[in-house]
Amino acid sequence: MTKSELIALYAKSRDRKRKDAEEDVNFIFDTIRDALAEGEKVVLTGFGTFDVRERKEKRCLNPRTGEPIQLPAGKAPAFKSGRGLKDAVNPKKD
């Protein structure tokens, strides 16, 4: 599902104009992005947790030239799925 499809589905399910639905969805994504940029953790109970993790410096190869390069240390966004999402993806079989 793409962001456009998500917006269209949200607009249809809530009987909203597409433009209003797009503003709502963008607000949620922007809020998550801003919180992560400030180093905050975003916990959506039943869905998962967005967090920022430290990434160590590492050596790797340039895929075009094959030359070794050094990637600097930095931060990377991460997501850990919650129990509700895991259960939805892997339903229990009785």
C-alpha atoms as a PDB file:
ATOM      1  CA  MET A   1       0.000   0.000   0.000  1.00  0.00           C
ATOM      2  CA  THR A   2       1.308   3.426  -0.916  1.00  0.00           C
ATOM      3  CA  LYS A   3       0.786   6.673   0.941  1.00  0.00           C
ATOM      4  CA  SER A   4      -1.723   7.783  -1.724  1.00  0.00           C
ATOM      5  CA  GLU A   5      -3.675   4.550  -1.311  1.00  0.00           C
ATOM      6  CA  LEU A   6      -3.659   5.005   2.472  1.00  0.00           C
ATOM      7  CA  ILE A   7      -4.994   8.553   2.107  1.00  0.00           C
ATOM      8  CA  ALA A   8      -7.715   7.416  -0.305  1.00  0.00           C
ATOM      9  CA  LEU A   9      -8.771   4.578   2.012  1.00  0.00           C
ATOM     10  CA  TYR A  10      -8.830   6.890   5.028  1.00  0.00           C
ATOM     11  CA  ALA A  11     -10.872   9.506   3.145  1.00  0.00           C
ATOM     12  CA  LYS A  12     -13.396   6.912   2.001  1.00  0.00           C
ATOM     13  CA  SER A  13     -13.728   5.177   5.393  1.00  0.00           C
ATOM     14  CA  ARG A  14     -14.211   8.461   7.287  1.00  0.00           C
ATOM     15  CA  ASP A  15     -16.326  10.166   4.594  1.00  0.00           C
ATOM     16  CA  ARG A  16     -13.803  13.012   4.291  1.00  0.00           C
ATOM     17  CA  LYS A  17     -12.509  15.023   1.379  1.00  0.00           C
ATOM     18  CA  ARG A  18      -9.230  13.714   0.012  1.00  0.00           C
ATOM     19  CA  LYS A  19      -7.454  16.990   0.774  1.00  0.00           C
ATOM     20  CA  ASP A  20      -8.555  16.867   4.437  1.00  0.00           C
ATOM     21  CA  ALA A  21      -7.555  13.212   4.705  1.00  0.00           C
ATOM     22  CA  GLU A  22      -4.151  14.004   3.193  1.00  0.00           C
ATOM     23  CA  GLU A  23      -3.616  16.763   5.772  1.00  0.00           C
ATOM     24  CA  ASP A  24      -4.510  14.354   8.596  1.00  0.00           C
ATOM     25  CA  VAL A  25      -2.171  11.613   7.371  1.00  0.00           C
ATOM     26  CA  ASN A  26       0.661  14.092   6.748  1.00  0.00           C
ATOM     27  CA  PHE A  27       0.166  15.522  10.246  1.00  0.00           C
ATOM     28  CA  ILE A  28       0.644  12.075  11.782  1.00  0.00           C
ATOM     29  CA  PHE A  29       3.747  11.296   9.703  1.00  0.00           C
ATOM     30  CA  ASP A  30       5.221  14.753  10.338  1.00  0.00           C
ATOM     31  CA  THR A  31       4.636  14.414  14.080  1.00  0.00           C
ATOM     32  CA  ILE A  32       6.405  11.035  14.168  1.00  0.00           C
ATOM     33  CA  ARG A  33       9.287  12.421  12.074  1.00  0.00           C
ATOM     34  CA  ASP A  34       9.680  15.512  14.284  1.00  0.00           C
ATOM     35  CA  ALA A  35       9.660  13.447  17.477  1.00  0.00           C
ATOM     36  CA  LEU A  36      12.353  11.131  16.113  1.00  0.00           C
ATOM     37  CA  ALA A  37      14.428  14.110  14.955  1.00  0.00           C
ATOM     38  CA  GLU A  38      14.363  15.365  18.550  1.00  0.00           C
ATOM     39  CA  GLY A  39      15.527  11.965  19.812  1.00  0.00           C
ATOM     40  CA  GLU A  40      12.153  10.937  21.242  1.00  0.00           C
ATOM     41  CA  LYS A  41      10.697   7.449  21.108  1.00  0.00           C
ATOM     42  CA  VAL A  42       7.212   7.090  19.577  1.00  0.00           C
ATOM     43  CA  VAL A  43       5.154   4.250  21.073  1.00  0.00           C
ATOM     44  CA  LEU A  44       1.914   3.217  19.347  1.00  0.00           C
ATOM     45  CA  THR A  45       0.476   0.584  21.667  1.00  0.00           C
ATOM     46  CA  GLY A  46      -0.572  -2.545  19.802  1.00  0.00           C
ATOM     47  CA  PHE A  47       1.254  -1.421  16.655  1.00  0.00           C
ATOM     48  CA  GLY A  48       4.905  -0.798  17.460  1.00  0.00           C
ATOM     49  CA  THR A  49       7.658   1.575  18.494  1.00  0.00           C
ATOM     50  CA  PHE A  50       9.644   4.021  16.392  1.00  0.00           C
ATOM     51  CA  ASP A  51      13.067   4.882  17.778  1.00  0.00           C
ATOM     52  CA  VAL A  52      16.425   6.351  16.771  1.00  0.00           C
ATOM     53  CA  ARG A  53      19.438   4.064  17.036  1.00  0.00           C
ATOM     54  CA  GLU A  54      23.125   4.839  16.893  1.00  0.00           C
ATOM     55  CA  ARG A  55      24.910   3.362  13.894  1.00  0.00           C
ATOM     56  CA  LYS A  56      28.620   2.583  14.205  1.00  0.00           C
ATOM     57  CA  GLU A  57      31.202   3.579  11.641  1.00  0.00           C
ATOM     58  CA  LYS A  58      31.861   0.755   9.180  1.00  0.00           C
ATOM     59  CA  ARG A  59      33.846  -0.198   6.115  1.00  0.00           C
ATOM     60  CA  CYS A  60      32.018  -1.316   2.996  1.00  0.00           C
ATOM     61  CA  LEU A  61      32.432  -1.400  -0.763  1.00  0.00           C
ATOM     62  CA  ASN A  62      31.267   1.152  -3.303  1.00  0.00           C
ATOM     63  CA  PRO A  63      28.866  -0.907  -5.463  1.00  0.00           C
ATOM     64  CA  ARG A  64      29.831   0.939  -8.670  1.00  0.00           C
ATOM     65  CA  THR A  65      33.601   0.815  -8.372  1.00  0.00           C
ATOM     66  CA  GLY A  66      34.235  -1.936  -5.843  1.00  0.00           C
ATOM     67  CA  GLU A  67      36.524   0.410  -3.912  1.00  0.00           C
ATOM     68  CA  PRO A  68      36.442   0.219  -0.114  1.00  0.00           C
ATOM     69  CA  ILE A  69      34.864   3.238   1.581  1.00  0.00           C
ATOM     70  CA  GLN A  70      34.346   4.255   5.184  1.00  0.00           C
ATOM     71  CA  LEU A  71      30.774   5.061   6.223  1.00  0.00           C
ATOM     72  CA  PRO A  72      30.689   7.477   9.162  1.00  0.00           C
ATOM     73  CA  ALA A  73      28.841   6.807  12.388  1.00  0.00           C
ATOM     74  CA  GLY A  74      25.385   8.292  12.603  1.00  0.00           C
ATOM     75  CA  LYS A  75      21.813   7.775  13.634  1.00  0.00           C
ATOM     76  CA  ALA A  76      19.138   5.706  11.910  1.00  0.00           C
ATOM     77  CA  PRO A  77      15.396   5.450  12.451  1.00  0.00           C
ATOM     78  CA  ALA A  78      14.193   2.020  13.557  1.00  0.00           C
ATOM     79  CA  PHE A  79      10.847   0.304  14.050  1.00  0.00           C
ATOM     80  CA  LYS A  80      10.015  -2.582  16.341  1.00  0.00           C
ATOM     81  CA  SER A  81       6.624  -4.158  15.826  1.00  0.00           C
ATOM     82  CA  GLY A  82       4.268  -4.579  18.766  1.00  0.00           C
ATOM     83  CA  ARG A  83       2.417  -7.703  19.830  1.00  0.00           C
ATOM     84  CA  GLY A  84      -0.840  -6.681  18.093  1.00  0.00           C
ATOM     85  CA  LEU A  85       0.910  -6.199  14.743  1.00  0.00           C
ATOM     86  CA  LYS A  86       2.856  -9.435  15.098  1.00  0.00           C
ATOM     87  CA  ASP A  87      -0.344 -11.342  15.916  1.00  0.00           C
ATOM     88  CA  ALA A  88      -2.140  -9.804  12.922  1.00  0.00           C
ATOM     89  CA  VAL A  89       0.662 -10.851  10.573  1.00  0.00           C
ATOM     90  CA  ASN A  90       1.067 -14.317  12.114  1.00  0.00           C
ATOM     91  CA  PRO A  91      -2.367 -15.447  13.311  1.00  0.00           C
ATOM     92  CA  LYS A  92      -2.369 -18.299  15.794  1.00  0.00           C
ATOM     93  CA  LYS A  93      -3.609 -21.589  14.437  1.00  0.00           C
ATOM     94  CA  ASP A  94      -5.656 -23.712  16.827  1.00  0.00           C
END
